[in-house]
């Protein structure tokens, strides 16, 4: 349970602020138990207005909190981690390409580290977060981290060896979906539909289709078959997608994304 924990954030950008907002909205954490550190006063001001304790000194966060979420860019880690002088909190990294071993090697001995990969829909409470605890993290500590990220969407716990695949499956995948929605809307506009209505209808269709997969547990192929009436319109669209290599394009894009993640991690 996280109600009585002090939770800190080093970095108050979009993702850090989204997680803070989710915690407060869920009422699982009180604003006075949340600390946020950033060098930008403009980023801290709306959080301060919400009752969050704000500072530009990361030492205050590290020394005061039970869990600290490192929500800074990957290039900041080599400068930030050596400044840490305590092993008190659970350190939670949301940075892509930064391994648990790298973080532990730059923190005091005995530091507890969890690596997570959220995605941008966390900004509206619809995120996907994969959590990879280091071996020394207890089940209860992992559950604590999971409860924090449950406040901004769906969570799964996976081994860190799968994190590069996670980057392509959830971290980067909103970009693929946005491209598909844009292309669908362009086609609808070409057929005469007003632009804003096209975006709304196509985005809602994607949202509803994804919800069908999640809520029914039915195989996506079966759901596709349910839409494809014999001799109907949908099967012609499916045929065109197959002819244009739709499945291969998606799989190839994700493979390239996974490989780039591996390179960045090295």
C-alpha atoms as a PDB file:
ATOM      1  CA  UNK A   1       0.000   0.000   0.000  1.00  0.00           C
ATOM      2  CA  UNK A   2       1.366   3.420  -0.963  1.00  0.00           C
ATOM      3  CA  UNK A   3      -0.931   5.705   1.053  1.00  0.00           C
ATOM      4  CA  UNK A   4       1.673   6.425   3.738  1.00  0.00           C
ATOM      5  CA  UNK A   5       4.763   6.397   1.559  1.00  0.00           C
ATOM      6  CA  UNK A   6       6.746   9.444   0.556  1.00  0.00           C
ATOM      7  CA  UNK A   7       7.165   9.297  -3.218  1.00  0.00           C
ATOM      8  CA  UNK A   8       9.717  11.476  -4.986  1.00  0.00           C
ATOM      9  CA  UNK A   9      10.277  12.495  -8.585  1.00  0.00           C
ATOM     10  CA  UNK A  10      13.530  13.746 -10.009  1.00  0.00           C
ATOM     11  CA  UNK A  11      12.354  15.310 -13.228  1.00  0.00           C
ATOM     12  CA  UNK A  12       8.951  16.973 -13.586  1.00  0.00           C
ATOM     13  CA  UNK A  13       8.452  16.797 -17.333  1.00  0.00           C
ATOM     14  CA  UNK A  14       5.465  15.286 -19.132  1.00  0.00           C
ATOM     15  CA  UNK A  15       5.851  11.761 -17.794  1.00  0.00           C
ATOM     16  CA  UNK A  16       6.814  12.693 -14.249  1.00  0.00           C
ATOM     17  CA  UNK A  17       3.935  15.154 -14.032  1.00  0.00           C
ATOM     18  CA  UNK A  18       1.528  12.584 -15.511  1.00  0.00           C
ATOM     19  CA  UNK A  19       2.422  10.028 -12.854  1.00  0.00           C
ATOM     20  CA  UNK A  20       2.061  12.624 -10.104  1.00  0.00           C
ATOM     21  CA  UNK A  21      -1.326  13.618 -11.488  1.00  0.00           C
ATOM     22  CA  UNK A  22      -2.420   9.980 -11.581  1.00  0.00           C
ATOM     23  CA  UNK A  23      -1.348   9.410  -7.990  1.00  0.00           C
ATOM     24  CA  UNK A  24      -3.283  12.427  -6.760  1.00  0.00           C
ATOM     25  CA  UNK A  25      -6.360  11.668  -8.870  1.00  0.00           C
ATOM     26  CA  UNK A  26      -6.444   8.094  -7.552  1.00  0.00           C
ATOM     27  CA  UNK A  27      -6.337   9.430  -3.979  1.00  0.00           C
ATOM     28  CA  UNK A  28      -3.778   6.736  -3.183  1.00  0.00           C
ATOM     29  CA  UNK A  29      -1.189   9.361  -2.334  1.00  0.00           C
ATOM     30  CA  UNK A  30      -1.641  12.714  -0.651  1.00  0.00           C
ATOM     31  CA  UNK A  31       0.025  15.703  -2.350  1.00  0.00           C
ATOM     32  CA  UNK A  32       2.025  16.498   0.791  1.00  0.00           C
ATOM     33  CA  UNK A  33       3.637  13.037   0.558  1.00  0.00           C
ATOM     34  CA  UNK A  34       4.854  13.670  -2.998  1.00  0.00           C
ATOM     35  CA  UNK A  35       8.140  15.445  -3.708  1.00  0.00           C
ATOM     36  CA  UNK A  36       9.100  16.810  -7.147  1.00  0.00           C
ATOM     37  CA  UNK A  37      12.507  18.094  -8.186  1.00  0.00           C
ATOM     38  CA  UNK A  38      13.299  19.978 -11.383  1.00  0.00           C
ATOM     39  CA  UNK A  39      15.569  22.814 -12.427  1.00  0.00           C
ATOM     40  CA  UNK A  40      12.663  24.456 -14.243  1.00  0.00           C
ATOM     41  CA  UNK A  41      10.469  26.549 -11.966  1.00  0.00           C
ATOM     42  CA  UNK A  42       7.807  26.619 -14.705  1.00  0.00           C
ATOM     43  CA  UNK A  43       7.455  22.837 -14.558  1.00  0.00           C
ATOM     44  CA  UNK A  44       7.228  22.840 -10.766  1.00  0.00           C
ATOM     45  CA  UNK A  45       4.685  25.649 -10.432  1.00  0.00           C
ATOM     46  CA  UNK A  46       1.546  23.649 -11.399  1.00  0.00           C
ATOM     47  CA  UNK A  47       2.660  20.804  -9.122  1.00  0.00           C
ATOM     48  CA  UNK A  48       3.197  23.214  -6.246  1.00  0.00           C
ATOM     49  CA  UNK A  49      -0.324  24.548  -6.839  1.00  0.00           C
ATOM     50  CA  UNK A  50      -1.573  20.959  -6.402  1.00  0.00           C
ATOM     51  CA  UNK A  51       0.078  20.751  -2.981  1.00  0.00           C
ATOM     52  CA  UNK A  52       3.170  18.781  -4.033  1.00  0.00           C
ATOM     53  CA  UNK A  53       6.434  19.553  -2.231  1.00  0.00           C
ATOM     54  CA  UNK A  54       8.713  21.076  -4.883  1.00  0.00           C
ATOM     55  CA  UNK A  55      12.445  21.734  -4.947  1.00  0.00           C
ATOM     56  CA  UNK A  56      15.371  22.221  -7.305  1.00  0.00           C
ATOM     57  CA  UNK A  57      17.633  20.151  -5.029  1.00  0.00           C
ATOM     58  CA  UNK A  58      17.599  16.420  -5.775  1.00  0.00           C
ATOM     59  CA  UNK A  59      19.361  15.662  -2.460  1.00  0.00           C
ATOM     60  CA  UNK A  60      16.150  16.620  -0.641  1.00  0.00           C
ATOM     61  CA  UNK A  61      14.165  14.084  -2.661  1.00  0.00           C
ATOM     62  CA  UNK A  62      16.714  11.299  -2.252  1.00  0.00           C
ATOM     63  CA  UNK A  63      16.967  11.901   1.481  1.00  0.00           C
ATOM     64  CA  UNK A  64      13.246  12.271   2.204  1.00  0.00           C
ATOM     65  CA  UNK A  65      11.452   9.633   0.139  1.00  0.00           C
ATOM     66  CA  UNK A  66      10.715   5.905   0.280  1.00  0.00           C
ATOM     67  CA  UNK A  67      10.481   5.612  -3.508  1.00  0.00           C
ATOM     68  CA  UNK A  68      12.201   7.915  -6.010  1.00  0.00           C
ATOM     69  CA  UNK A  69      11.212   7.893  -9.666  1.00  0.00           C
ATOM     70  CA  UNK A  70      14.048   8.995 -11.916  1.00  0.00           C
ATOM     71  CA  UNK A  71      12.129  10.808 -14.658  1.00  0.00           C
ATOM     72  CA  UNK A  72      15.009  12.550 -16.399  1.00  0.00           C
ATOM     73  CA  UNK A  73      16.441  12.041 -19.889  1.00  0.00           C
ATOM     74  CA  UNK A  74      18.910   9.148 -20.309  1.00  0.00           C
ATOM     75  CA  UNK A  75      21.813  11.535 -20.933  1.00  0.00           C
ATOM     76  CA  UNK A  76      21.327  13.025 -17.444  1.00  0.00           C
ATOM     77  CA  UNK A  77      21.887   9.711 -15.635  1.00  0.00           C
ATOM     78  CA  UNK A  78      25.724   9.694 -15.764  1.00  0.00           C
ATOM     79  CA  UNK A  79      25.752  13.092 -14.033  1.00  0.00           C
ATOM     80  CA  UNK A  80      22.836  12.519 -11.651  1.00  0.00           C
ATOM     81  CA  UNK A  81      23.483   9.047 -10.223  1.00  0.00           C
ATOM     82  CA  UNK A  82      26.961   9.727  -8.748  1.00  0.00           C
ATOM     83  CA  UNK A  83      25.441  12.549  -6.660  1.00  0.00           C
ATOM     84  CA  UNK A  84      23.266  10.077  -4.727  1.00  0.00           C
ATOM     85  CA  UNK A  85      24.633   9.413  -1.237  1.00  0.00           C
ATOM     86  CA  UNK A  86      21.859   7.243   0.236  1.00  0.00           C
ATOM     87  CA  UNK A  87      20.402   3.781  -0.377  1.00  0.00           C
ATOM     88  CA  UNK A  88      17.226   4.605   1.526  1.00  0.00           C
ATOM     89  CA  UNK A  89      14.679   4.775  -1.320  1.00  0.00           C
ATOM     90  CA  UNK A  90      13.710   2.320  -4.022  1.00  0.00           C
ATOM     91  CA  UNK A  91      15.099   3.902  -7.188  1.00  0.00           C
ATOM     92  CA  UNK A  92      12.729   3.595 -10.154  1.00  0.00           C
ATOM     93  CA  UNK A  93      14.044   4.491 -13.608  1.00  0.00           C
ATOM     94  CA  UNK A  94      11.733   5.281 -16.517  1.00  0.00           C
ATOM     95  CA  UNK A  95      14.572   6.012 -18.952  1.00  0.00           C
ATOM     96  CA  UNK A  96      14.821   4.036 -22.182  1.00  0.00           C
ATOM     97  CA  UNK A  97      18.148   2.348 -22.833  1.00  0.00           C
ATOM     98  CA  UNK A  98      19.439   2.573 -19.238  1.00  0.00           C
ATOM     99  CA  UNK A  99      19.920  -0.860 -17.689  1.00  0.00           C
ATOM    100  CA  UNK A 100      19.498  -1.852 -14.053  1.00  0.00           C
ATOM    101  CA  UNK A 101      23.190  -2.797 -13.916  1.00  0.00           C
ATOM    102  CA  UNK A 102      24.251   0.636 -15.171  1.00  0.00           C
ATOM    103  CA  UNK A 103      22.129   2.362 -12.546  1.00  0.00           C
ATOM    104  CA  UNK A 104      23.341   0.112  -9.719  1.00  0.00           C
ATOM    105  CA  UNK A 105      26.969   0.572 -10.746  1.00  0.00           C
ATOM    106  CA  UNK A 106      26.602   4.328 -10.355  1.00  0.00           C
ATOM    107  CA  UNK A 107      24.721   4.292  -7.041  1.00  0.00           C
ATOM    108  CA  UNK A 108      26.018   3.464  -3.551  1.00  0.00           C
ATOM    109  CA  UNK A 109      26.366  -0.252  -2.905  1.00  0.00           C
ATOM    110  CA  UNK A 110      23.134  -1.874  -1.777  1.00  0.00           C
ATOM    111  CA  UNK A 111      20.831   0.466  -3.701  1.00  0.00           C
ATOM    112  CA  UNK A 112      17.485  -1.060  -4.712  1.00  0.00           C
ATOM    113  CA  UNK A 113      16.620  -0.498  -8.375  1.00  0.00           C
ATOM    114  CA  UNK A 114      13.541  -1.094 -10.515  1.00  0.00           C
ATOM    115  CA  UNK A 115      13.444  -0.348 -14.241  1.00  0.00           C
ATOM    116  CA  UNK A 116      10.110   0.546 -15.821  1.00  0.00           C
ATOM    117  CA  UNK A 117       8.977   1.471 -19.324  1.00  0.00           C
ATOM    118  CA  UNK A 118       5.817   3.598 -19.450  1.00  0.00           C
ATOM    119  CA  UNK A 119       4.336   5.148 -22.587  1.00  0.00           C
ATOM    120  CA  UNK A 120       2.823   8.526 -23.388  1.00  0.00           C
ATOM    121  CA  UNK A 121      -0.884   7.594 -23.005  1.00  0.00           C
ATOM    122  CA  UNK A 122      -0.079   7.644 -19.283  1.00  0.00           C
ATOM    123  CA  UNK A 123      -0.675  11.380 -19.703  1.00  0.00           C
ATOM    124  CA  UNK A 124      -4.418  10.625 -19.827  1.00  0.00           C
ATOM    125  CA  UNK A 125      -4.408   7.606 -17.498  1.00  0.00           C
ATOM    126  CA  UNK A 126      -4.365   5.091 -20.369  1.00  0.00           C
ATOM    127  CA  UNK A 127      -0.719   4.137 -20.278  1.00  0.00           C
ATOM    128  CA  UNK A 128       1.031   0.798 -20.465  1.00  0.00           C
ATOM    129  CA  UNK A 129       3.909   0.314 -18.021  1.00  0.00           C
ATOM    130  CA  UNK A 130       6.186  -2.717 -17.897  1.00  0.00           C
ATOM    131  CA  UNK A 131       8.085  -3.181 -14.639  1.00  0.00           C
ATOM    132  CA  UNK A 132      11.419  -5.011 -14.332  1.00  0.00           C
ATOM    133  CA  UNK A 133      12.653  -5.291 -10.730  1.00  0.00           C
ATOM    134  CA  UNK A 134      16.282  -6.117  -9.960  1.00  0.00           C
ATOM    135  CA  UNK A 135      16.757  -9.587  -8.402  1.00  0.00           C
ATOM    136  CA  UNK A 136      17.137  -8.196  -4.883  1.00  0.00           C
ATOM    137  CA  UNK A 137      13.780  -6.392  -5.020  1.00  0.00           C
ATOM    138  CA  UNK A 138      11.228  -8.183  -2.832  1.00  0.00           C
ATOM    139  CA  UNK A 139       7.743  -9.063  -4.004  1.00  0.00           C
ATOM    140  CA  UNK A 140       6.276  -6.418  -1.702  1.00  0.00           C
ATOM    141  CA  UNK A 141       8.637  -3.754  -3.054  1.00  0.00           C
ATOM    142  CA  UNK A 142       7.748  -4.698  -6.631  1.00  0.00           C
ATOM    143  CA  UNK A 143       4.066  -4.529  -5.689  1.00  0.00           C
ATOM    144  CA  UNK A 144       4.609  -1.024  -4.300  1.00  0.00           C
ATOM    145  CA  UNK A 145       6.119   0.172  -7.577  1.00  0.00           C
ATOM    146  CA  UNK A 146       3.328  -1.514  -9.526  1.00  0.00           C
ATOM    147  CA  UNK A 147       0.676   0.208  -7.415  1.00  0.00           C
ATOM    148  CA  UNK A 148       2.182   3.587  -8.282  1.00  0.00           C
ATOM    149  CA  UNK A 149       2.015   2.939 -12.022  1.00  0.00           C
ATOM    150  CA  UNK A 150      -1.422   1.315 -11.804  1.00  0.00           C
ATOM    151  CA  UNK A 151      -2.592   4.887 -11.235  1.00  0.00           C
ATOM    152  CA  UNK A 152      -1.800   5.812 -14.866  1.00  0.00           C
ATOM    153  CA  UNK A 153      -2.931   2.688 -16.740  1.00  0.00           C
ATOM    154  CA  UNK A 154      -2.165  -0.994 -17.249  1.00  0.00           C
ATOM    155  CA  UNK A 155       0.931  -2.622 -15.719  1.00  0.00           C
ATOM    156  CA  UNK A 156       2.831  -5.855 -16.276  1.00  0.00           C
ATOM    157  CA  UNK A 157       5.930  -7.264 -14.569  1.00  0.00           C
ATOM    158  CA  UNK A 158       8.511  -8.771 -16.930  1.00  0.00           C
ATOM    159  CA  UNK A 159      12.143  -9.772 -16.881  1.00  0.00           C
ATOM    160  CA  UNK A 160      14.520  -7.026 -17.946  1.00  0.00           C
ATOM    161  CA  UNK A 161      15.789  -9.234 -20.796  1.00  0.00           C
ATOM    162  CA  UNK A 162      12.473  -8.463 -22.557  1.00  0.00           C
ATOM    163  CA  UNK A 163      12.727  -4.693 -22.169  1.00  0.00           C
ATOM    164  CA  UNK A 164      13.964  -4.070 -25.723  1.00  0.00           C
ATOM    165  CA  UNK A 165      10.887  -5.872 -27.037  1.00  0.00           C
ATOM    166  CA  UNK A 166       8.758  -3.827 -24.640  1.00  0.00           C
ATOM    167  CA  UNK A 167      10.139  -0.621 -26.148  1.00  0.00           C
ATOM    168  CA  UNK A 168       8.791  -1.605 -29.579  1.00  0.00           C
ATOM    169  CA  UNK A 169       5.550  -3.169 -28.289  1.00  0.00           C
ATOM    170  CA  UNK A 170       4.378  -0.351 -26.010  1.00  0.00           C
ATOM    171  CA  UNK A 171       6.956   2.402 -25.559  1.00  0.00           C
ATOM    172  CA  UNK A 172       7.175   3.361 -29.237  1.00  0.00           C
ATOM    173  CA  UNK A 173       3.966   1.818 -30.558  1.00  0.00           C
ATOM    174  CA  UNK A 174       1.716   4.852 -29.983  1.00  0.00           C
ATOM    175  CA  UNK A 175       3.590   6.443 -32.903  1.00  0.00           C
ATOM    176  CA  UNK A 176       2.612   3.567 -35.215  1.00  0.00           C
ATOM    177  CA  UNK A 177      -1.010   3.816 -34.134  1.00  0.00           C
ATOM    178  CA  UNK A 178      -1.078   7.595 -34.634  1.00  0.00           C
ATOM    179  CA  UNK A 179       0.250   7.101 -38.164  1.00  0.00           C
ATOM    180  CA  UNK A 180      -2.480   4.546 -38.889  1.00  0.00           C
ATOM    181  CA  UNK A 181      -5.199   6.864 -37.542  1.00  0.00           C
ATOM    182  CA  UNK A 182      -3.826   9.711 -39.643  1.00  0.00           C
ATOM    183  CA  UNK A 183      -3.801   7.542 -42.768  1.00  0.00           C
ATOM    184  CA  UNK A 184      -7.344   6.293 -42.080  1.00  0.00           C
ATOM    185  CA  UNK A 185      -8.546   9.853 -41.607  1.00  0.00           C
ATOM    186  CA  UNK A 186      -6.863  11.002 -44.833  1.00  0.00           C
ATOM    187  CA  UNK A 187      -8.681   8.252 -46.713  1.00  0.00           C
ATOM    188  CA  UNK A 188     -11.975   9.275 -45.109  1.00  0.00           C
ATOM    189  CA  UNK A 189     -11.352  12.908 -46.075  1.00  0.00           C
ATOM    190  CA  UNK A 190     -10.618  11.797 -49.643  1.00  0.00           C
ATOM    191  CA  UNK A 191     -14.025  10.094 -49.618  1.00  0.00           C
ATOM    192  CA  UNK A 192     -15.644  13.381 -48.562  1.00  0.00           C
ATOM    193  CA  UNK A 193     -15.698  13.260 -44.745  1.00  0.00           C
ATOM    194  CA  UNK A 194     -14.899  16.486 -42.819  1.00  0.00           C
ATOM    195  CA  UNK A 195     -11.366  16.412 -41.389  1.00  0.00           C
ATOM    196  CA  UNK A 196     -12.172  16.717 -37.670  1.00  0.00           C
ATOM    197  CA  UNK A 197     -14.986  14.187 -37.916  1.00  0.00           C
ATOM    198  CA  UNK A 198     -12.586  11.828 -39.692  1.00  0.00           C
ATOM    199  CA  UNK A 199     -10.019  12.051 -36.881  1.00  0.00           C
ATOM    200  CA  UNK A 200     -12.701  11.524 -34.240  1.00  0.00           C
ATOM    201  CA  UNK A 201     -14.337   8.552 -35.943  1.00  0.00           C
ATOM    202  CA  UNK A 202     -11.081   6.804 -36.875  1.00  0.00           C
ATOM    203  CA  UNK A 203      -9.510   7.305 -33.428  1.00  0.00           C
ATOM    204  CA  UNK A 204     -12.658   6.056 -31.705  1.00  0.00           C
ATOM    205  CA  UNK A 205     -12.746   3.016 -33.998  1.00  0.00           C
ATOM    206  CA  UNK A 206      -9.167   2.141 -33.023  1.00  0.00           C
ATOM    207  CA  UNK A 207      -9.927   2.678 -29.329  1.00  0.00           C
ATOM    208  CA  UNK A 208     -13.012   0.464 -29.511  1.00  0.00           C
ATOM    209  CA  UNK A 209     -11.190  -2.273 -31.413  1.00  0.00           C
ATOM    210  CA  UNK A 210      -8.392  -2.354 -28.839  1.00  0.00           C
ATOM    211  CA  UNK A 211     -10.974  -2.481 -26.048  1.00  0.00           C
ATOM    212  CA  UNK A 212     -12.580  -5.525 -27.693  1.00  0.00           C
ATOM    213  CA  UNK A 213      -9.249  -7.388 -27.531  1.00  0.00           C
ATOM    214  CA  UNK A 214      -8.691  -6.441 -23.887  1.00  0.00           C
ATOM    215  CA  UNK A 215     -12.214  -7.014 -22.589  1.00  0.00           C
ATOM    216  CA  UNK A 216     -13.184 -10.164 -24.494  1.00  0.00           C
ATOM    217  CA  UNK A 217      -9.851 -12.003 -24.468  1.00  0.00           C
ATOM    218  CA  UNK A 218     -10.719 -13.182 -27.969  1.00  0.00           C
ATOM    219  CA  UNK A 219      -7.866 -13.757 -30.439  1.00  0.00           C
ATOM    220  CA  UNK A 220      -7.465 -10.676 -32.699  1.00  0.00           C
ATOM    221  CA  UNK A 221      -7.756 -12.916 -35.755  1.00  0.00           C
ATOM    222  CA  UNK A 222     -11.154 -14.123 -34.616  1.00  0.00           C
ATOM    223  CA  UNK A 223     -12.323 -10.567 -34.029  1.00  0.00           C
ATOM    224  CA  UNK A 224     -11.130  -9.676 -37.535  1.00  0.00           C
ATOM    225  CA  UNK A 225     -13.099 -12.613 -38.963  1.00  0.00           C
ATOM    226  CA  UNK A 226     -16.239 -11.359 -37.186  1.00  0.00           C
ATOM    227  CA  UNK A 227     -16.043  -8.124 -39.199  1.00  0.00           C
ATOM    228  CA  UNK A 228     -15.343  -9.812 -42.544  1.00  0.00           C
ATOM    229  CA  UNK A 229     -18.722 -10.820 -43.997  1.00  0.00           C
ATOM    230  CA  UNK A 230     -18.574 -13.157 -47.033  1.00  0.00           C
ATOM    231  CA  UNK A 231     -18.361 -11.055 -50.166  1.00  0.00           C
ATOM    232  CA  UNK A 232     -18.505  -7.863 -48.101  1.00  0.00           C
ATOM    233  CA  UNK A 233     -16.533  -4.643 -48.017  1.00  0.00           C
ATOM    234  CA  UNK A 234     -14.138  -5.473 -45.171  1.00  0.00           C
ATOM    235  CA  UNK A 235     -12.597  -8.541 -46.776  1.00  0.00           C
ATOM    236  CA  UNK A 236     -11.631  -6.424 -49.787  1.00  0.00           C
ATOM    237  CA  UNK A 237      -9.889  -3.975 -47.446  1.00  0.00           C
ATOM    238  CA  UNK A 238      -8.114  -6.855 -45.678  1.00  0.00           C
ATOM    239  CA  UNK A 239      -7.001  -8.253 -49.037  1.00  0.00           C
ATOM    240  CA  UNK A 240      -5.525  -4.866 -49.992  1.00  0.00           C
ATOM    241  CA  UNK A 241      -3.662  -4.631 -46.675  1.00  0.00           C
ATOM    242  CA  UNK A 242      -2.242  -8.128 -47.167  1.00  0.00           C
ATOM    243  CA  UNK A 243      -1.182  -7.288 -50.743  1.00  0.00           C
ATOM    244  CA  UNK A 244       0.596  -4.154 -49.515  1.00  0.00           C
ATOM    245  CA  UNK A 245       2.462  -6.085 -46.803  1.00  0.00           C
ATOM    246  CA  UNK A 246       0.681  -4.510 -43.832  1.00  0.00           C
ATOM    247  CA  UNK A 247       1.554  -7.236 -41.329  1.00  0.00           C
ATOM    248  CA  UNK A 248       5.172  -7.432 -42.500  1.00  0.00           C
ATOM    249  CA  UNK A 249       5.547  -3.643 -42.325  1.00  0.00           C
ATOM    250  CA  UNK A 250       4.383  -3.615 -38.693  1.00  0.00           C
ATOM    251  CA  UNK A 251       6.562  -6.575 -37.710  1.00  0.00           C
ATOM    252  CA  UNK A 252       9.598  -5.141 -39.529  1.00  0.00           C
ATOM    253  CA  UNK A 253       9.143  -1.728 -37.888  1.00  0.00           C
ATOM    254  CA  UNK A 254       8.962  -3.318 -34.434  1.00  0.00           C
ATOM    255  CA  UNK A 255      12.031  -5.466 -35.137  1.00  0.00           C
ATOM    256  CA  UNK A 256      14.023  -2.383 -36.127  1.00  0.00           C
ATOM    257  CA  UNK A 257      12.797  -0.553 -33.026  1.00  0.00           C
ATOM    258  CA  UNK A 258      13.845  -3.481 -30.825  1.00  0.00           C
ATOM    259  CA  UNK A 259      17.313  -3.608 -32.401  1.00  0.00           C
ATOM    260  CA  UNK A 260      17.809   0.152 -31.931  1.00  0.00           C
ATOM    261  CA  UNK A 261      16.842  -0.238 -28.266  1.00  0.00           C
ATOM    262  CA  UNK A 262      19.498  -2.937 -27.892  1.00  0.00           C
ATOM    263  CA  UNK A 263      22.108  -0.627 -29.424  1.00  0.00           C
ATOM    264  CA  UNK A 264      21.171   2.256 -27.149  1.00  0.00           C
ATOM    265  CA  UNK A 265      21.282   0.008 -24.077  1.00  0.00           C
ATOM    266  CA  UNK A 266      24.824  -1.082 -24.948  1.00  0.00           C
END
